[in-house]
Each structure stands twice: as structure tokens, then as C-alpha cells.
N, C-alpha and C. Protein backbone atom coordinates (compact mmCIF):
# COMPACT_ATOMS: atom_id res chain seq x y z
N MET A 1 168.94 164.21 -17.39
CA MET A 1 167.67 164.35 -16.82
C MET A 1 167.82 165.89 -16.13
N GLU A 2 166.02 166.84 -16.38
CA GLU A 2 166.15 167.90 -16.07
C GLU A 2 165.96 167.63 -14.66
N TYR A 3 166.23 168.75 -13.85
CA TYR A 3 165.55 168.80 -12.45
C TYR A 3 165.32 170.29 -12.25
N HIS A 4 164.15 170.44 -11.59
CA HIS A 4 163.18 171.80 -11.70
C HIS A 4 163.04 171.81 -9.95
N HIS A 5 162.90 173.48 -9.82
CA HIS A 5 162.83 173.39 -7.98
C HIS A 5 161.63 172.99 -7.45
N GLY A 6 161.43 172.59 -6.46
CA GLY A 6 160.62 171.71 -5.94
C GLY A 6 160.83 169.92 -6.26
N ASP A 7 161.16 169.39 -7.28
CA ASP A 7 161.49 167.93 -7.37
C ASP A 7 162.14 167.88 -6.02
N ARG A 8 161.39 166.34 -5.59
CA ARG A 8 161.82 166.00 -4.05
C ARG A 8 162.87 164.82 -5.03
N VAL A 9 164.16 164.80 -4.53
CA VAL A 9 165.37 163.53 -4.87
C VAL A 9 166.18 162.20 -3.99
N ARG A 10 166.45 161.96 -4.27
CA ARG A 10 167.22 161.35 -3.32
C ARG A 10 169.00 160.82 -4.03
N ILE A 11 169.98 160.79 -3.44
CA ILE A 11 171.31 161.05 -4.07
C ILE A 11 171.57 159.23 -3.78
N LEU A 12 171.88 158.91 -4.40
CA LEU A 12 172.45 156.71 -4.75
C LEU A 12 173.99 157.29 -4.04
N GLY A 13 174.25 156.16 -3.30
CA GLY A 13 175.46 156.28 -2.69
C GLY A 13 175.36 156.98 -1.08
N LYS A 14 174.35 157.87 -0.98
CA LYS A 14 174.17 158.65 0.67
C LYS A 14 173.12 158.41 1.11
N PRO A 15 172.47 156.90 1.16
CA PRO A 15 171.37 157.29 1.80
C PRO A 15 170.86 158.02 2.93
N GLU A 16 171.84 158.22 3.80
CA GLU A 16 172.12 158.50 5.39
C GLU A 16 171.62 160.32 5.04
N TRP A 17 172.06 160.75 3.72
CA TRP A 17 171.33 162.25 3.99
C TRP A 17 170.03 162.13 3.74
N GLY A 18 169.00 161.58 3.48
CA GLY A 18 167.84 161.34 2.84
C GLY A 18 167.62 162.03 2.20
N PRO A 19 166.04 162.33 1.97
CA PRO A 19 165.63 163.06 0.65
C PRO A 19 165.90 164.37 0.52
N GLY A 20 165.94 165.07 -0.61
CA GLY A 20 165.77 166.29 -0.64
C GLY A 20 165.28 167.01 -1.49
N PHE A 21 165.32 168.17 -1.43
CA PHE A 21 164.16 169.03 -3.01
C PHE A 21 165.37 170.00 -3.86
N ILE A 22 164.86 169.98 -4.61
CA ILE A 22 165.79 170.68 -5.45
C ILE A 22 164.97 172.21 -5.27
N GLN A 23 166.65 173.35 -4.96
CA GLN A 23 166.31 174.72 -4.97
C GLN A 23 166.81 175.39 -6.18
N GLY A 24 165.76 175.61 -6.60
CA GLY A 24 166.31 176.18 -8.08
C GLY A 24 166.16 175.25 -9.09
N THR A 25 166.40 175.70 -10.28
CA THR A 25 166.32 175.33 -11.78
C THR A 25 168.16 174.39 -11.90
N SER A 26 168.43 173.16 -12.39
CA SER A 26 169.58 173.23 -12.61
C SER A 26 170.21 174.01 -13.76
N ARG A 27 171.72 174.23 -13.71
CA ARG A 27 172.38 175.06 -14.13
C ARG A 27 173.91 175.07 -14.45
N ASN A 28 174.44 174.98 -15.60
CA ASN A 28 175.72 174.12 -16.03
C ASN A 28 176.15 173.00 -15.47
N GLY A 29 175.07 172.06 -15.16
CA GLY A 29 175.33 170.57 -14.81
C GLY A 29 175.70 170.40 -13.47
N LYS A 30 175.32 171.84 -12.91
CA LYS A 30 174.94 171.58 -11.37
C LYS A 30 173.53 172.06 -10.47
N VAL A 31 173.34 171.42 -9.63
CA VAL A 31 172.07 171.69 -8.67
C VAL A 31 172.22 171.74 -7.35
N ARG A 32 171.18 173.24 -7.05
CA ARG A 32 171.60 172.95 -5.33
C ARG A 32 169.66 172.09 -4.96
N VAL A 33 170.58 171.34 -3.92
CA VAL A 33 169.53 170.21 -2.83
C VAL A 33 169.83 170.44 -1.80
N ARG A 34 168.59 170.67 -0.82
CA ARG A 34 168.20 170.63 0.52
C ARG A 34 168.05 169.35 1.03
N PHE A 35 169.35 168.61 1.84
CA PHE A 35 168.59 167.53 2.21
C PHE A 35 168.11 167.62 3.50
N LEU A 36 166.85 166.99 4.12
CA LEU A 36 166.72 166.95 5.19
C LEU A 36 167.82 166.25 6.23
N GLY A 37 168.90 165.53 6.33
CA GLY A 37 169.83 164.91 7.00
C GLY A 37 170.88 165.59 7.18
N VAL A 38 171.18 166.79 5.92
CA VAL A 38 172.48 167.16 6.14
C VAL A 38 172.30 168.88 5.59
N GLY A 39 171.20 169.46 5.12
CA GLY A 39 171.25 170.76 4.95
C GLY A 39 171.67 170.49 2.89
N ARG A 40 171.77 171.83 2.75
CA ARG A 40 171.93 172.58 1.71
C ARG A 40 173.42 171.95 0.70
N LYS A 41 173.66 171.22 -0.28
CA LYS A 41 174.41 170.84 -1.11
C LYS A 41 174.55 171.29 -2.37
N THR A 42 175.39 172.03 -2.93
CA THR A 42 175.45 172.06 -4.30
C THR A 42 175.64 170.79 -5.17
N LEU A 43 175.28 170.55 -5.71
CA LEU A 43 175.94 169.30 -6.44
C LEU A 43 176.38 168.77 -8.24
N ASP A 44 177.51 168.73 -8.71
CA ASP A 44 177.69 168.27 -10.28
C ASP A 44 177.15 167.01 -10.27
N LEU A 45 176.13 167.17 -11.60
CA LEU A 45 175.08 166.44 -11.80
C LEU A 45 176.33 165.24 -12.71
N HIS A 46 177.14 165.95 -13.26
CA HIS A 46 178.33 164.94 -14.01
C HIS A 46 178.84 163.54 -12.92
N HIS A 47 178.42 163.67 -11.69
CA HIS A 47 179.29 162.79 -10.79
C HIS A 47 177.96 162.58 -9.70
N ALA A 48 177.34 163.06 -9.35
CA ALA A 48 176.33 162.75 -8.19
C ALA A 48 175.15 162.35 -9.07
N LYS A 49 174.79 161.00 -8.83
CA LYS A 49 173.48 160.23 -9.22
C LYS A 49 172.44 160.60 -8.74
N LEU A 50 171.43 161.51 -8.98
CA LEU A 50 170.20 161.76 -8.29
C LEU A 50 169.02 160.83 -8.78
N MET A 51 167.95 160.52 -8.14
CA MET A 51 167.13 159.81 -8.47
C MET A 51 165.60 160.22 -7.97
N LYS A 52 164.67 160.90 -8.60
CA LYS A 52 163.76 161.82 -8.41
C LYS A 52 162.72 160.61 -7.86
N VAL A 53 162.05 161.28 -6.77
CA VAL A 53 161.04 160.49 -5.72
C VAL A 53 159.53 160.99 -6.16
N VAL A 54 158.96 159.93 -5.99
CA VAL A 54 157.69 160.77 -6.90
C VAL A 54 156.49 160.60 -5.09
N TRP A 55 156.19 162.00 -5.24
CA TRP A 55 154.88 162.02 -4.50
C TRP A 55 153.82 160.93 -4.14
N ARG A 56 153.63 160.57 -3.15
CA ARG A 56 152.90 159.60 -2.83
C ARG A 56 151.41 160.51 -2.01
N ASP A 57 151.55 161.06 -1.10
CA ASP A 57 150.73 161.84 -0.59
C ASP A 57 150.66 163.07 -0.92
N PRO A 58 149.84 163.94 -1.68
CA PRO A 58 149.49 165.12 -2.17
C PRO A 58 149.04 166.04 -0.43
N GLU A 59 148.06 165.73 0.52
CA GLU A 59 147.59 166.21 1.41
C GLU A 59 149.24 166.26 2.44
N TRP A 60 149.82 165.86 2.57
CA TRP A 60 151.49 165.94 3.20
C TRP A 60 151.77 167.17 2.44
N LEU A 61 152.11 167.28 0.67
CA LEU A 61 153.12 167.91 0.54
C LEU A 61 152.65 169.62 0.91
N LYS A 62 150.77 169.49 0.42
CA LYS A 62 149.79 170.88 0.98
C LYS A 62 150.57 171.69 2.52
N GLN A 63 150.06 170.71 3.66
CA GLN A 63 150.87 171.21 4.68
C GLN A 63 151.96 171.35 4.84
N ARG A 64 153.32 170.39 4.55
CA ARG A 64 154.38 170.95 4.42
C ARG A 64 154.46 172.57 3.33
N ALA A 65 153.90 172.74 2.64
CA ALA A 65 154.10 174.28 1.74
C ALA A 65 153.54 175.06 2.86
N GLN A 66 152.23 174.77 3.49
CA GLN A 66 151.58 175.80 4.56
C GLN A 66 152.55 175.99 5.81
N ASN A 67 153.07 175.30 6.37
CA ASN A 67 154.24 175.07 7.30
C ASN A 67 155.27 176.15 6.66
N VAL A 68 155.89 175.72 5.87
CA VAL A 68 156.81 176.46 5.17
C VAL A 68 156.67 177.97 5.29
N TRP A 69 155.71 178.15 4.93
CA TRP A 69 154.85 179.68 4.13
C TRP A 69 154.95 180.41 5.41
N GLU A 70 154.43 180.07 6.27
CA GLU A 70 153.84 180.31 7.92
C GLU A 70 155.46 180.34 8.31
N LYS A 71 156.47 179.55 7.98
CA LYS A 71 157.89 180.24 8.85
C LYS A 71 158.22 181.12 8.29
N ASN A 72 158.17 181.54 7.11
CA ASN A 72 158.83 182.29 6.15
C ASN A 72 158.10 183.55 6.22
N GLN A 73 156.89 183.63 6.55
CA GLN A 73 155.84 185.03 7.43
C GLN A 73 156.74 185.52 8.36
N GLN A 74 156.70 184.59 9.59
CA GLN A 74 157.22 184.79 10.83
C GLN A 74 158.58 185.50 10.54
N ALA A 75 159.09 185.17 10.11
CA ALA A 75 160.72 185.48 9.95
C ALA A 75 161.04 186.57 9.07
N ARG A 76 159.92 186.89 8.15
CA ARG A 76 160.01 188.10 7.53
C ARG A 76 159.49 189.16 8.58
N PHE A 77 158.58 188.99 9.33
CA PHE A 77 158.05 189.93 10.86
C PHE A 77 158.94 190.40 11.73
N ASN A 78 159.79 189.52 12.22
CA ASN A 78 160.59 189.01 13.47
C ASN A 78 162.07 189.94 13.22
């Protein structure tokens, strides 16, 4: 399965990690994921079983993107 930047995923077997967001694109069978519960992880797709999560609320996604953009802008000027 292909994973692309921004895809929302969960890792089977680690529900405590919570949902994650793909950071970049998959390369050489590996992908970086930022999980809400444990932060950024680099996963080997030959061993990690990821499940894509479908967005249910596009308004939440829009607000989240706006919040991240504002946070990045503040960090650039501080």
C-alpha cells in the first residue's frame, strides 16, 4: 500500500499510540509517522501494519491545518 504525506493512519497492535499522520512519502519500505501519543516514529512497512483512517470531518481538518500553519508562522518569527 502507498502512503503519502498527510495520510492519517493507525498502527495495528499499538492502539495506545493513537492516530498518526504520515510525514513525507514512503521510501525503501519505510515511512515516518507522527503519532499523537508517542511522537515521530520511522516504521518499516515490512513489519509495521498500518491502517489508513478515513477523514470524517473536513471542517476539523481545515481548522487543524490552520492551527499548524499559525504555529509554524509564530515559530519562524520568534
